[in-house]
Amino acid sequence: MPLPSTCLVLNGEEEPESFSKVKVLNDSRPVIHKISESLVDTFLPSGYPHSVNEGYLRYTQFRALQHFSSAALSVLSTQSLLYAAGLRPTPAQATATSWIHLRMECSMWES
């Protein structure tokens, strides 16, 4: 569906030629449809589902589960390590420690 093209108006004057055009969309879809489209646009390749193989969504779901599980295990192992060192860490402290460790590793790669 083509979108109507409008021009940007600044202080009552039409935009100069160097400005790009603004497209206005009167979107009356429910919010859940807007959110789901935004998520698909953000996390899936453009042209999905026609631009990928049929197993891509399943693969993406498993990768997301793997990333979530890995992050949870990292926090739990950090919490166990801090507990073994004699500290009484909370999950928030373990999360912060994991984040700091990750940042330190990333900074080592940069140098």
C-alpha atoms as a PDB file:
ATOM      1  CA  MET A   1       0.000   0.000   0.000  1.00  0.00           C
ATOM      2  CA  PRO A   2       1.618   3.290  -1.052  1.00  0.00           C
ATOM      3  CA  LEU A   3       2.144   5.909   1.625  1.00  0.00           C
ATOM      4  CA  PRO A   4       1.151   9.518   1.081  1.00  0.00           C
ATOM      5  CA  SER A   5       4.143  11.797   0.742  1.00  0.00           C
ATOM      6  CA  THR A   6       4.136  15.150   2.535  1.00  0.00           C
ATOM      7  CA  CYS A   7       6.706  17.861   2.985  1.00  0.00           C
ATOM      8  CA  LEU A   8       8.222  19.038   6.227  1.00  0.00           C
ATOM      9  CA  VAL A   9       7.001  22.441   7.346  1.00  0.00           C
ATOM     10  CA  LEU A  10       9.366  24.609   9.401  1.00  0.00           C
ATOM     11  CA  ASN A  11       7.999  27.838  10.916  1.00  0.00           C
ATOM     12  CA  GLY A  12       5.176  27.957   8.397  1.00  0.00           C
ATOM     13  CA  GLU A  13       7.547  27.647   5.414  1.00  0.00           C
ATOM     14  CA  GLU A  14       7.931  24.695   3.130  1.00  0.00           C
ATOM     15  CA  GLU A  15      11.128  22.700   3.525  1.00  0.00           C
ATOM     16  CA  PRO A  16      14.268  23.586   1.610  1.00  0.00           C
ATOM     17  CA  GLU A  17      15.380  21.239  -1.185  1.00  0.00           C
ATOM     18  CA  SER A  18      18.165  19.770   0.980  1.00  0.00           C
ATOM     19  CA  PHE A  19      15.671  18.232   3.439  1.00  0.00           C
ATOM     20  CA  SER A  20      14.295  14.763   2.793  1.00  0.00           C
ATOM     21  CA  LYS A  21      10.591  14.124   2.423  1.00  0.00           C
ATOM     22  CA  VAL A  22       8.564  12.884   5.384  1.00  0.00           C
ATOM     23  CA  LYS A  23       5.954  10.212   4.891  1.00  0.00           C
ATOM     24  CA  VAL A  24       2.875  10.331   7.077  1.00  0.00           C
ATOM     25  CA  LEU A  25       1.064   7.131   7.877  1.00  0.00           C
ATOM     26  CA  ASN A  26      -2.299   7.023   9.563  1.00  0.00           C
ATOM     27  CA  ASP A  27      -1.846   3.601  11.105  1.00  0.00           C
ATOM     28  CA  SER A  28      -5.036   2.388  12.763  1.00  0.00           C
ATOM     29  CA  ARG A  29      -3.800  -1.158  13.396  1.00  0.00           C
ATOM     30  CA  PRO A  30      -3.889  -2.513  16.952  1.00  0.00           C
ATOM     31  CA  VAL A  31      -0.751  -1.910  19.003  1.00  0.00           C
ATOM     32  CA  ILE A  32       0.078  -5.624  19.158  1.00  0.00           C
ATOM     33  CA  HIS A  33       0.339  -5.737  15.348  1.00  0.00           C
ATOM     34  CA  LYS A  34       2.647  -2.712  15.340  1.00  0.00           C
ATOM     35  CA  ILE A  35       4.865  -4.303  18.016  1.00  0.00           C
ATOM     36  CA  SER A  36       5.033  -7.670  16.262  1.00  0.00           C
ATOM     37  CA  GLU A  37       5.934  -6.011  12.950  1.00  0.00           C
ATOM     38  CA  SER A  38       8.614  -3.970  14.694  1.00  0.00           C
ATOM     39  CA  LEU A  39      10.101  -7.125  16.246  1.00  0.00           C
ATOM     40  CA  VAL A  40      10.099  -8.950  12.907  1.00  0.00           C
ATOM     41  CA  ASP A  41      11.749  -5.950  11.216  1.00  0.00           C
ATOM     42  CA  THR A  42      14.359  -5.749  13.980  1.00  0.00           C
ATOM     43  CA  PHE A  43      15.322  -9.379  14.466  1.00  0.00           C
ATOM     44  CA  LEU A  44      14.623 -11.086  11.141  1.00  0.00           C
ATOM     45  CA  PRO A  45      16.199 -10.364   7.761  1.00  0.00           C
ATOM     46  CA  SER A  46      14.458  -8.044   5.328  1.00  0.00           C
ATOM     47  CA  GLY A  47      12.073  -9.884   3.070  1.00  0.00           C
ATOM     48  CA  TYR A  48      11.348 -12.524   5.705  1.00  0.00           C
ATOM     49  CA  PRO A  49       9.949 -15.220   5.172  1.00  0.00           C
ATOM     50  CA  HIS A  50      10.614 -15.234   1.427  1.00  0.00           C
ATOM     51  CA  SER A  51      14.324 -14.353   1.687  1.00  0.00           C
ATOM     52  CA  VAL A  52      15.364 -17.282   3.924  1.00  0.00           C
ATOM     53  CA  ASN A  53      15.133 -21.076   3.975  1.00  0.00           C
ATOM     54  CA  GLU A  54      12.096 -22.644   5.606  1.00  0.00           C
ATOM     55  CA  GLY A  55      14.015 -23.722   8.747  1.00  0.00           C
ATOM     56  CA  TYR A  56      15.360 -20.243   9.542  1.00  0.00           C
ATOM     57  CA  LEU A  57      12.696 -19.317  12.114  1.00  0.00           C
ATOM     58  CA  ARG A  58      13.218 -22.573  14.004  1.00  0.00           C
ATOM     59  CA  TYR A  59      16.991 -22.001  13.921  1.00  0.00           C
ATOM     60  CA  THR A  60      16.525 -18.452  15.223  1.00  0.00           C
ATOM     61  CA  GLN A  61      14.314 -19.697  18.063  1.00  0.00           C
ATOM     62  CA  PHE A  62      16.947 -22.226  19.127  1.00  0.00           C
ATOM     63  CA  ARG A  63      19.708 -19.606  18.937  1.00  0.00           C
ATOM     64  CA  ALA A  64      17.672 -17.230  21.130  1.00  0.00           C
ATOM     65  CA  LEU A  65      17.093 -20.033  23.647  1.00  0.00           C
ATOM     66  CA  GLN A  66      20.824 -20.819  23.594  1.00  0.00           C
ATOM     67  CA  HIS A  67      21.756 -17.161  24.225  1.00  0.00           C
ATOM     68  CA  PHE A  68      19.256 -16.862  27.069  1.00  0.00           C
ATOM     69  CA  SER A  69      20.456 -20.124  28.665  1.00  0.00           C
ATOM     70  CA  SER A  70      24.082 -19.084  28.304  1.00  0.00           C
ATOM     71  CA  ALA A  71      23.435 -15.732  29.986  1.00  0.00           C
ATOM     72  CA  ALA A  72      21.532 -17.395  32.846  1.00  0.00           C
ATOM     73  CA  LEU A  73      24.285 -19.982  33.367  1.00  0.00           C
ATOM     74  CA  SER A  74      26.906 -17.241  33.366  1.00  0.00           C
ATOM     75  CA  VAL A  75      25.112 -15.362  36.146  1.00  0.00           C
ATOM     76  CA  LEU A  76      24.561 -18.541  38.167  1.00  0.00           C
ATOM     77  CA  SER A  77      28.181 -19.648  37.831  1.00  0.00           C
ATOM     78  CA  THR A  78      29.424 -16.180  38.794  1.00  0.00           C
ATOM     79  CA  GLN A  79      27.123 -16.211  41.812  1.00  0.00           C
ATOM     80  CA  SER A  80      28.478 -19.660  42.814  1.00  0.00           C
ATOM     81  CA  LEU A  81      32.060 -18.468  42.377  1.00  0.00           C
ATOM     82  CA  LEU A  82      31.448 -15.407  44.572  1.00  0.00           C
ATOM     83  CA  TYR A  83      29.743 -17.602  47.172  1.00  0.00           C
ATOM     84  CA  ALA A  84      32.723 -19.998  47.151  1.00  0.00           C
ATOM     85  CA  ALA A  85      35.040 -17.016  47.687  1.00  0.00           C
ATOM     86  CA  GLY A  86      33.227 -16.283  50.943  1.00  0.00           C
ATOM     87  CA  LEU A  87      30.916 -13.545  49.723  1.00  0.00           C
ATOM     88  CA  ARG A  88      27.126 -13.600  49.938  1.00  0.00           C
ATOM     89  CA  PRO A  89      26.204 -12.253  46.516  1.00  0.00           C
ATOM     90  CA  THR A  90      22.710 -11.398  45.370  1.00  0.00           C
ATOM     91  CA  PRO A  91      21.646 -12.195  41.792  1.00  0.00           C
ATOM     92  CA  ALA A  92      22.030  -8.496  40.949  1.00  0.00           C
ATOM     93  CA  GLN A  93      25.637  -8.494  42.157  1.00  0.00           C
ATOM     94  CA  ALA A  94      26.364 -11.653  40.172  1.00  0.00           C
ATOM     95  CA  THR A  95      24.827 -10.084  37.078  1.00  0.00           C
ATOM     96  CA  ALA A  96      26.892  -6.923  37.536  1.00  0.00           C
ATOM     97  CA  THR A  97      30.055  -8.980  38.028  1.00  0.00           C
ATOM     98  CA  SER A  98      29.310 -10.970  34.852  1.00  0.00           C
ATOM     99  CA  TRP A  99      28.758  -7.732  32.942  1.00  0.00           C
ATOM    100  CA  ILE A 100      32.038  -6.258  34.211  1.00  0.00           C
ATOM    101  CA  HIS A 101      33.891  -9.435  33.263  1.00  0.00           C
ATOM    102  CA  LEU A 102      32.363  -9.340  29.779  1.00  0.00           C
ATOM    103  CA  ARG A 103      33.352  -5.682  29.363  1.00  0.00           C
ATOM    104  CA  MET A 104      36.920  -6.484  30.440  1.00  0.00           C
ATOM    105  CA  GLU A 105      37.124  -9.300  27.875  1.00  0.00           C
ATOM    106  CA  CYS A 106      35.815  -7.011  25.148  1.00  0.00           C
ATOM    107  CA  SER A 107      38.361  -4.329  26.016  1.00  0.00           C
ATOM    108  CA  MET A 108      41.158  -6.911  25.796  1.00  0.00           C
ATOM    109  CA  TRP A 109      40.025  -7.789  22.242  1.00  0.00           C
ATOM    110  CA  GLU A 110      40.088  -4.130  21.230  1.00  0.00           C
ATOM    111  CA  SER A 111      43.731  -3.617  22.184  1.00  0.00           C
END
